[in-house]
Amino acid sequence: MSDGFEPPQNEPYAHVTSAGPIRRLAADTIDGLFLLTALFSWWLVFLPLIPWLFLLAWGQTPGKFLVGLEAARSDGTRFGWGRMFTREVFKRLFWSVTLGIGMIVDAGVLMLSRDRRSFTDRVVGSTIVRVSAQQS
């Protein structure tokens, strides 16, 4: 008689057959795909954060870093990461709220201005300079 604290007795399977290599490989493949999907999804969540982390660390977006550009104050003095972060947040919000029209406005003002400053640059008080030109 059992009082409920004893583990159930294991009954053998009626037809015990060892799993073949094809089925085991298929099961391992499916498990691997689930794992890769989980890892990929995890990176998808954090992928948009990489440019912001880059910005906080170096004061440049990855794109600006790769092409040798940096944001500076309109008088050409160095633009710290805090002001660069503010500039990028404003730019992204401006572009998002206007459903992409802000990007067109920025490009238009940039192309039509003599000082090569976009609408975002004018609002935040920045300009984009070459890193080598700024450091000399």
Foldseek 3Di string as FASTA:
>chain_A
DDPPPDDDDDDDDPDDDDDDPVVVVVVVVVVVVVVVVVVVVVCVVCVVVVQVVVLQVPVDGPVCVVVQKHKDALVLHRDDSVLSSVLVVVQVVQCVVVVNVQVVQQVVCQVPDPSNGGPSCVVSRIDMDGNVVSVD
